[in-house]
C-alpha atoms as a PDB file:
ATOM      1  CA  UNK A   1      24.263 135.846  77.942  1.00  0.00           C
ATOM      2  CA  UNK A   2      21.725 134.075  80.150  1.00  0.00           C
ATOM      3  CA  UNK A   3      23.246 132.083  82.998  1.00  0.00           C
ATOM      4  CA  UNK A   4      21.568 129.943  85.631  1.00  0.00           C
ATOM      5  CA  UNK A   5      23.265 128.781  88.825  1.00  0.00           C
ATOM      6  CA  UNK A   6      22.553 125.977  91.283  1.00  0.00           C
ATOM      7  CA  UNK A   7      24.037 125.850  94.784  1.00  0.00           C
ATOM      8  CA  UNK A   8      22.790 123.180  97.224  1.00  0.00           C
ATOM      9  CA  UNK A   9      25.903 122.197  99.176  1.00  0.00           C
ATOM     10  CA  UNK A  10      24.308 123.308 102.467  1.00  0.00           C
ATOM     11  CA  UNK A  11      20.744 123.139 103.813  1.00  0.00           C
ATOM     12  CA  UNK A  12      20.340 126.741 102.625  1.00  0.00           C
ATOM     13  CA  UNK A  13      20.116 126.013  98.892  1.00  0.00           C
ATOM     14  CA  UNK A  14      19.468 128.584  96.154  1.00  0.00           C
ATOM     15  CA  UNK A  15      19.088 128.820  92.395  1.00  0.00           C
ATOM     16  CA  UNK A  16      19.491 132.020  90.391  1.00  0.00           C
ATOM     17  CA  UNK A  17      19.245 133.534  86.910  1.00  0.00           C
ATOM     18  CA  UNK A  18      21.309 136.388  85.449  1.00  0.00           C
ATOM     19  CA  UNK A  19      21.497 138.203  82.131  1.00  0.00           C
ATOM     20  CA  UNK A  20      24.854 139.708  81.112  1.00  0.00           C
ATOM     21  CA  UNK A  21      26.007 139.652  84.715  1.00  0.00           C
ATOM     22  CA  UNK A  22      22.870 141.307  86.130  1.00  0.00           C
ATOM     23  CA  UNK A  23      20.925 139.183  88.624  1.00  0.00           C
ATOM     24  CA  UNK A  24      17.317 138.707  87.506  1.00  0.00           C
ATOM     25  CA  UNK A  25      16.023 136.281  90.138  1.00  0.00           C
ATOM     26  CA  UNK A  26      17.173 134.128  93.041  1.00  0.00           C
ATOM     27  CA  UNK A  27      14.988 131.539  94.765  1.00  0.00           C
ATOM     28  CA  UNK A  28      15.752 129.792  98.048  1.00  0.00           C
ATOM     29  CA  UNK A  29      15.004 126.122  98.636  1.00  0.00           C
ATOM     30  CA  UNK A  30      14.468 126.563 102.366  1.00  0.00           C
ATOM     31  CA  UNK A  31      16.252 124.534 105.022  1.00  0.00           C
ATOM     32  CA  UNK A  32      14.195 121.332 104.970  1.00  0.00           C
ATOM     33  CA  UNK A  33      17.005 119.312 103.333  1.00  0.00           C
ATOM     34  CA  UNK A  34      14.652 118.412 100.463  1.00  0.00           C
ATOM     35  CA  UNK A  35      16.920 119.626  97.695  1.00  0.00           C
ATOM     36  CA  UNK A  36      16.246 116.602  95.473  1.00  0.00           C
ATOM     37  CA  UNK A  37      12.548 117.531  95.398  1.00  0.00           C
ATOM     38  CA  UNK A  38      12.869 121.311  95.369  1.00  0.00           C
ATOM     39  CA  UNK A  39      15.743 122.160  93.016  1.00  0.00           C
ATOM     40  CA  UNK A  40      14.007 121.846  89.652  1.00  0.00           C
ATOM     41  CA  UNK A  41      10.750 123.528  90.782  1.00  0.00           C
ATOM     42  CA  UNK A  42      12.799 126.364  92.293  1.00  0.00           C
ATOM     43  CA  UNK A  43      14.727 126.742  89.036  1.00  0.00           C
ATOM     44  CA  UNK A  44      11.487 126.908  87.057  1.00  0.00           C
ATOM     45  CA  UNK A  45      10.225 129.545  89.489  1.00  0.00           C
ATOM     46  CA  UNK A  46      13.416 131.589  89.099  1.00  0.00           C
ATOM     47  CA  UNK A  47      13.177 131.393  85.301  1.00  0.00           C
ATOM     48  CA  UNK A  48       9.545 132.494  85.451  1.00  0.00           C
ATOM     49  CA  UNK A  49      10.368 135.419  87.740  1.00  0.00           C
ATOM     50  CA  UNK A  50      13.180 136.419  85.385  1.00  0.00           C
ATOM     51  CA  UNK A  51      10.948 136.099  82.317  1.00  0.00           C
ATOM     52  CA  UNK A  52      13.366 133.639  80.722  1.00  0.00           C
ATOM     53  CA  UNK A  53      12.508 130.443  78.828  1.00  0.00           C
ATOM     54  CA  UNK A  54      14.569 127.375  79.623  1.00  0.00           C
ATOM     55  CA  UNK A  55      15.646 127.158  75.989  1.00  0.00           C
ATOM     56  CA  UNK A  56      17.224 130.626  76.240  1.00  0.00           C
ATOM     57  CA  UNK A  57      19.828 129.485  78.789  1.00  0.00           C
ATOM     58  CA  UNK A  58      23.354 129.991  77.454  1.00  0.00           C
ATOM     59  CA  UNK A  59      25.368 128.603  80.379  1.00  0.00           C
ATOM     60  CA  UNK A  60      24.900 126.610  83.570  1.00  0.00           C
ATOM     61  CA  UNK A  61      26.950 127.334  86.700  1.00  0.00           C
ATOM     62  CA  UNK A  62      27.101 124.979  89.672  1.00  0.00           C
ATOM     63  CA  UNK A  63      28.447 124.942  93.196  1.00  0.00           C
ATOM     64  CA  UNK A  64      30.851 121.993  93.035  1.00  0.00           C
ATOM     65  CA  UNK A  65      31.058 121.300  96.760  1.00  0.00           C
ATOM     66  CA  UNK A  66      32.289 120.276  99.212  1.00  0.00           C
ATOM     67  CA  UNK A  67      29.427 120.200 101.663  1.00  0.00           C
ATOM     68  CA  UNK A  68      26.444 117.938 102.201  1.00  0.00           C
ATOM     69  CA  UNK A  69      27.028 114.831 100.071  1.00  0.00           C
ATOM     70  CA  UNK A  70      23.349 114.682  99.122  1.00  0.00           C
ATOM     71  CA  UNK A  71      23.153 118.375  98.361  1.00  0.00           C
ATOM     72  CA  UNK A  72      26.336 118.368  96.279  1.00  0.00           C
ATOM     73  CA  UNK A  73      25.101 115.329  94.327  1.00  0.00           C
ATOM     74  CA  UNK A  74      21.757 117.012  93.644  1.00  0.00           C
ATOM     75  CA  UNK A  75      23.372 120.189  92.336  1.00  0.00           C
ATOM     76  CA  UNK A  76      25.864 118.245  90.246  1.00  0.00           C
ATOM     77  CA  UNK A  77      23.309 115.925  88.682  1.00  0.00           C
ATOM     78  CA  UNK A  78      20.849 118.731  87.963  1.00  0.00           C
ATOM     79  CA  UNK A  79      23.491 120.993  86.423  1.00  0.00           C
ATOM     80  CA  UNK A  80      24.993 118.190  84.321  1.00  0.00           C
ATOM     81  CA  UNK A  81      21.601 117.102  83.064  1.00  0.00           C
ATOM     82  CA  UNK A  82      20.532 120.639  82.210  1.00  0.00           C
ATOM     83  CA  UNK A  83      23.776 121.550  80.432  1.00  0.00           C
ATOM     84  CA  UNK A  84      23.807 118.284  78.486  1.00  0.00           C
ATOM     85  CA  UNK A  85      20.142 118.517  77.468  1.00  0.00           C
ATOM     86  CA  UNK A  86      20.504 122.102  76.284  1.00  0.00           C
ATOM     87  CA  UNK A  87      23.952 121.604  74.751  1.00  0.00           C
ATOM     88  CA  UNK A  88      25.392 124.568  76.667  1.00  0.00           C
ATOM     89  CA  UNK A  89      28.627 124.991  78.667  1.00  0.00           C
ATOM     90  CA  UNK A  90      28.856 123.954  82.309  1.00  0.00           C
ATOM     91  CA  UNK A  91      31.019 125.884  84.759  1.00  0.00           C
ATOM     92  CA  UNK A  92      31.821 124.763  88.291  1.00  0.00           C
ATOM     93  CA  UNK A  93      33.166 126.716  91.261  1.00  0.00           C
ATOM     94  CA  UNK A  94      33.956 125.530  94.766  1.00  0.00           C
ATOM     95  CA  UNK A  95      31.040 126.059  97.133  1.00  0.00           C
ATOM     96  CA  UNK A  96      33.608 127.278  99.657  1.00  0.00           C
ATOM     97  CA  UNK A  97      34.680 129.947  97.168  1.00  0.00           C
ATOM     98  CA  UNK A  98      31.040 130.937  96.728  1.00  0.00           C
ATOM     99  CA  UNK A  99      30.816 131.366 100.492  1.00  0.00           C
ATOM    100  CA  UNK A 100      34.068 133.337 100.743  1.00  0.00           C
ATOM    101  CA  UNK A 101      33.252 135.582  97.784  1.00  0.00           C
ATOM    102  CA  UNK A 102      29.991 136.538  99.466  1.00  0.00           C
ATOM    103  CA  UNK A 103      31.904 138.141 102.337  1.00  0.00           C
ATOM    104  CA  UNK A 104      32.776 141.804 101.755  1.00  0.00           C
ATOM    105  CA  UNK A 105      36.185 141.855 103.397  1.00  0.00           C
ATOM    106  CA  UNK A 106      38.712 143.337 100.983  1.00  0.00           C
ATOM    107  CA  UNK A 107      41.178 140.776 102.336  1.00  0.00           C
ATOM    108  CA  UNK A 108      41.632 137.094 103.098  1.00  0.00           C
ATOM    109  CA  UNK A 109      38.508 135.034 103.805  1.00  0.00           C
ATOM    110  CA  UNK A 110      38.523 131.442 105.014  1.00  0.00           C
ATOM    111  CA  UNK A 111      35.228 129.650 104.388  1.00  0.00           C
ATOM    112  CA  UNK A 112      34.417 126.840 106.828  1.00  0.00           C
ATOM    113  CA  UNK A 113      31.622 124.292 106.573  1.00  0.00           C
ATOM    114  CA  UNK A 114      30.941 121.689 109.245  1.00  0.00           C
ATOM    115  CA  UNK A 115      32.184 118.301 107.994  1.00  0.00           C
ATOM    116  CA  UNK A 116      31.225 116.495 111.231  1.00  0.00           C
ATOM    117  CA  UNK A 117      33.458 114.084 113.150  1.00  0.00           C
ATOM    118  CA  UNK A 118      35.384 117.060 114.546  1.00  0.00           C
ATOM    119  CA  UNK A 119      36.405 118.309 111.087  1.00  0.00           C
ATOM    120  CA  UNK A 120      35.616 121.181 108.730  1.00  0.00           C
ATOM    121  CA  UNK A 121      35.686 121.703 105.008  1.00  0.00           C
ATOM    122  CA  UNK A 122      37.887 124.732 104.487  1.00  0.00           C
ATOM    123  CA  UNK A 123      39.133 126.923 101.668  1.00  0.00           C
ATOM    124  CA  UNK A 124      40.669 130.391 101.767  1.00  0.00           C
ATOM    125  CA  UNK A 125      40.898 133.154  99.179  1.00  0.00           C
ATOM    126  CA  UNK A 126      41.942 136.777  99.000  1.00  0.00           C
ATOM    127  CA  UNK A 127      38.795 138.633  97.992  1.00  0.00           C
ATOM    128  CA  UNK A 128      39.068 141.976  96.232  1.00  0.00           C
ATOM    129  CA  UNK A 129      37.757 143.771  93.154  1.00  0.00           C
ATOM    130  CA  UNK A 130      39.218 141.224  90.716  1.00  0.00           C
ATOM    131  CA  UNK A 131      39.181 137.457  90.560  1.00  0.00           C
ATOM    132  CA  UNK A 132      39.715 135.777  93.975  1.00  0.00           C
ATOM    133  CA  UNK A 133      43.262 134.584  94.670  1.00  0.00           C
ATOM    134  CA  UNK A 134      43.520 131.155  96.280  1.00  0.00           C
ATOM    135  CA  UNK A 135      45.356 130.953  99.597  1.00  0.00           C
ATOM    136  CA  UNK A 136      44.298 127.474 100.741  1.00  0.00           C
ATOM    137  CA  UNK A 137      42.755 124.970  98.325  1.00  0.00           C
ATOM    138  CA  UNK A 138      39.660 123.127  99.637  1.00  0.00           C
ATOM    139  CA  UNK A 139      40.554 120.564 102.294  1.00  0.00           C
ATOM    140  CA  UNK A 140      38.883 118.612 105.075  1.00  0.00           C
ATOM    141  CA  UNK A 141      40.436 118.323 108.530  1.00  0.00           C
ATOM    142  CA  UNK A 142      40.484 119.623 112.114  1.00  0.00           C
ATOM    143  CA  UNK A 143      40.004 123.364 112.483  1.00  0.00           C
ATOM    144  CA  UNK A 144      43.394 123.517 114.222  1.00  0.00           C
ATOM    145  CA  UNK A 145      45.060 122.472 110.955  1.00  0.00           C
ATOM    146  CA  UNK A 146      43.275 125.276 109.116  1.00  0.00           C
ATOM    147  CA  UNK A 147      44.430 127.808 111.701  1.00  0.00           C
ATOM    148  CA  UNK A 148      48.010 126.601 111.319  1.00  0.00           C
ATOM    149  CA  UNK A 149      47.934 126.711 107.528  1.00  0.00           C
ATOM    150  CA  UNK A 150      46.478 130.229 107.324  1.00  0.00           C
ATOM    151  CA  UNK A 151      48.330 132.038 110.119  1.00  0.00           C
ATOM    152  CA  UNK A 152      50.345 134.292 107.825  1.00  0.00           C
ATOM    153  CA  UNK A 153      47.247 135.376 105.876  1.00  0.00           C
ATOM    154  CA  UNK A 154      45.270 136.594 108.937  1.00  0.00           C
ATOM    155  CA  UNK A 155      41.904 135.731 107.342  1.00  0.00           C
ATOM    156  CA  UNK A 156      38.417 136.351 108.580  1.00  0.00           C
ATOM    157  CA  UNK A 157      36.658 133.010 109.133  1.00  0.00           C
ATOM    158  CA  UNK A 158      33.073 132.655 107.915  1.00  0.00           C
ATOM    159  CA  UNK A 159      30.405 129.989 107.567  1.00  0.00           C
ATOM    160  CA  UNK A 160      28.641 127.415 109.719  1.00  0.00           C
ATOM    161  CA  UNK A 161      31.965 125.746 110.532  1.00  0.00           C
ATOM    162  CA  UNK A 162      33.332 129.039 111.827  1.00  0.00           C
ATOM    163  CA  UNK A 163      30.246 129.443 114.011  1.00  0.00           C
ATOM    164  CA  UNK A 164      30.641 125.939 115.428  1.00  0.00           C
ATOM    165  CA  UNK A 165      34.330 126.378 116.238  1.00  0.00           C
ATOM    166  CA  UNK A 166      34.185 130.067 117.129  1.00  0.00           C
ATOM    167  CA  UNK A 167      35.773 129.530 120.557  1.00  0.00           C
ATOM    168  CA  UNK A 168      38.722 127.595 119.106  1.00  0.00           C
ATOM    169  CA  UNK A 169      39.273 130.203 116.404  1.00  0.00           C
ATOM    170  CA  UNK A 170      39.065 133.197 118.712  1.00  0.00           C
ATOM    171  CA  UNK A 171      41.372 131.612 121.303  1.00  0.00           C
ATOM    172  CA  UNK A 172      43.921 131.245 118.498  1.00  0.00           C
ATOM    173  CA  UNK A 173      43.557 134.938 117.660  1.00  0.00           C
ATOM    174  CA  UNK A 174      41.326 134.393 114.637  1.00  0.00           C
ATOM    175  CA  UNK A 175      38.626 136.796 113.515  1.00  0.00           C
ATOM    176  CA  UNK A 176      35.197 135.209 113.057  1.00  0.00           C
ATOM    177  CA  UNK A 177      32.458 136.879 111.061  1.00  0.00           C
ATOM    178  CA  UNK A 178      29.269 137.539 112.984  1.00  0.00           C
ATOM    179  CA  UNK A 179      26.049 136.176 111.554  1.00  0.00           C
ATOM    180  CA  UNK A 180      25.204 133.322 109.167  1.00  0.00           C
ATOM    181  CA  UNK A 181      26.916 133.172 105.776  1.00  0.00           C
ATOM    182  CA  UNK A 182      26.109 130.564 103.138  1.00  0.00           C
ATOM    183  CA  UNK A 183      27.221 129.775  99.583  1.00  0.00           C
ATOM    184  CA  UNK A 184      24.687 131.357  97.209  1.00  0.00           C
ATOM    185  CA  UNK A 185      23.797 130.817  93.571  1.00  0.00           C
ATOM    186  CA  UNK A 186      23.898 134.575  92.983  1.00  0.00           C
ATOM    187  CA  UNK A 187      27.538 134.619  94.090  1.00  0.00           C
ATOM    188  CA  UNK A 188      28.323 131.814  91.632  1.00  0.00           C
ATOM    189  CA  UNK A 189      26.858 133.979  88.871  1.00  0.00           C
ATOM    190  CA  UNK A 190      28.984 136.917  89.979  1.00  0.00           C
ATOM    191  CA  UNK A 191      32.109 134.733  89.876  1.00  0.00           C
ATOM    192  CA  UNK A 192      31.194 133.511  86.393  1.00  0.00           C
ATOM    193  CA  UNK A 193      30.717 137.056  85.100  1.00  0.00           C
ATOM    194  CA  UNK A 194      33.900 138.287  86.775  1.00  0.00           C
ATOM    195  CA  UNK A 195      36.099 135.809  84.910  1.00  0.00           C
ATOM    196  CA  UNK A 196      34.331 134.281  81.867  1.00  0.00           C
ATOM    197  CA  UNK A 197      37.165 131.809  81.295  1.00  0.00           C
ATOM    198  CA  UNK A 198      37.232 130.262  84.749  1.00  0.00           C
ATOM    199  CA  UNK A 199      35.605 127.073  85.979  1.00  0.00           C
ATOM    200  CA  UNK A 200      34.803 125.640  82.560  1.00  0.00           C
ATOM    201  CA  UNK A 201      34.041 121.898  82.500  1.00  0.00           C
ATOM    202  CA  UNK A 202      35.412 120.219  79.352  1.00  0.00           C
ATOM    203  CA  UNK A 203      32.931 117.304  79.381  1.00  0.00           C
ATOM    204  CA  UNK A 204      29.786 118.094  81.392  1.00  0.00           C
ATOM    205  CA  UNK A 205      28.384 114.563  81.075  1.00  0.00           C
ATOM    206  CA  UNK A 206      31.417 113.023  82.825  1.00  0.00           C
ATOM    207  CA  UNK A 207      32.111 115.782  85.377  1.00  0.00           C
ATOM    208  CA  UNK A 208      31.948 114.965  89.088  1.00  0.00           C
ATOM    209  CA  UNK A 209      31.606 117.378  92.039  1.00  0.00           C
ATOM    210  CA  UNK A 210      34.369 118.156  94.536  1.00  0.00           C
ATOM    211  CA  UNK A 211      33.486 115.969  97.526  1.00  0.00           C
ATOM    212  CA  UNK A 212      36.987 116.282  99.100  1.00  0.00           C
ATOM    213  CA  UNK A 213      36.422 113.052 101.037  1.00  0.00           C
ATOM    214  CA  UNK A 214      34.469 109.862 100.411  1.00  0.00           C
ATOM    215  CA  UNK A 215      30.921 109.595 101.693  1.00  0.00           C
ATOM    216  CA  UNK A 216      30.087 107.528 104.774  1.00  0.00           C
ATOM    217  CA  UNK A 217      28.548 104.837 102.577  1.00  0.00           C
ATOM    218  CA  UNK A 218      31.657 104.635 100.381  1.00  0.00           C
ATOM    219  CA  UNK A 219      33.870 104.312 103.444  1.00  0.00           C
ATOM    220  CA  UNK A 220      31.523 101.857 105.176  1.00  0.00           C
ATOM    221  CA  UNK A 221      30.912 104.223 108.087  1.00  0.00           C
ATOM    222  CA  UNK A 222      27.499 104.576 109.665  1.00  0.00           C
ATOM    223  CA  UNK A 223      25.924 108.040 109.901  1.00  0.00           C
END
């Protein structure tokens, strides 16, 4: 089973290739916010490093968002196009889950991404040896709401949103992971191998990412 994964919901985008659950290659797109230009070349580079032809791909895995609207759109469009062209299954996982699953905690992890306008994208899972258990489904809102909704789980908070609101979280008694954590394509591949039945998209050509809220353009808001 050859799987490729695409995760570009944050400026730190990656693509990766795995065979039977073993990671063969992962390539970063850098932080220039040029995901539309860099995603396909990075995927070709990852395939070359892995020694895999594009036609050998058995499954495509994508980070479904939320996050950067442009980045989520790029990942979604690329993954849909690739899966449809090759006639292979598409699987989608929350980018917040990809972030949380990359934290070795053995407990509850709340992934936070900066949503601007004083809000965060948030999702929380209990991370262990098996499939992650959802505690808080992906939402967008003030960090105070996330603290309130996860009090009984005592999670560790991780991600760029946790870094931005570290003072608020720590004053509320929250634990904040030190150091940058991002959703990664390699983590998407690990999630796909962990539970082969999860995240399957019935109709790849009509699937849409998980934006959580409308874009600024759709809402008629500048910026």
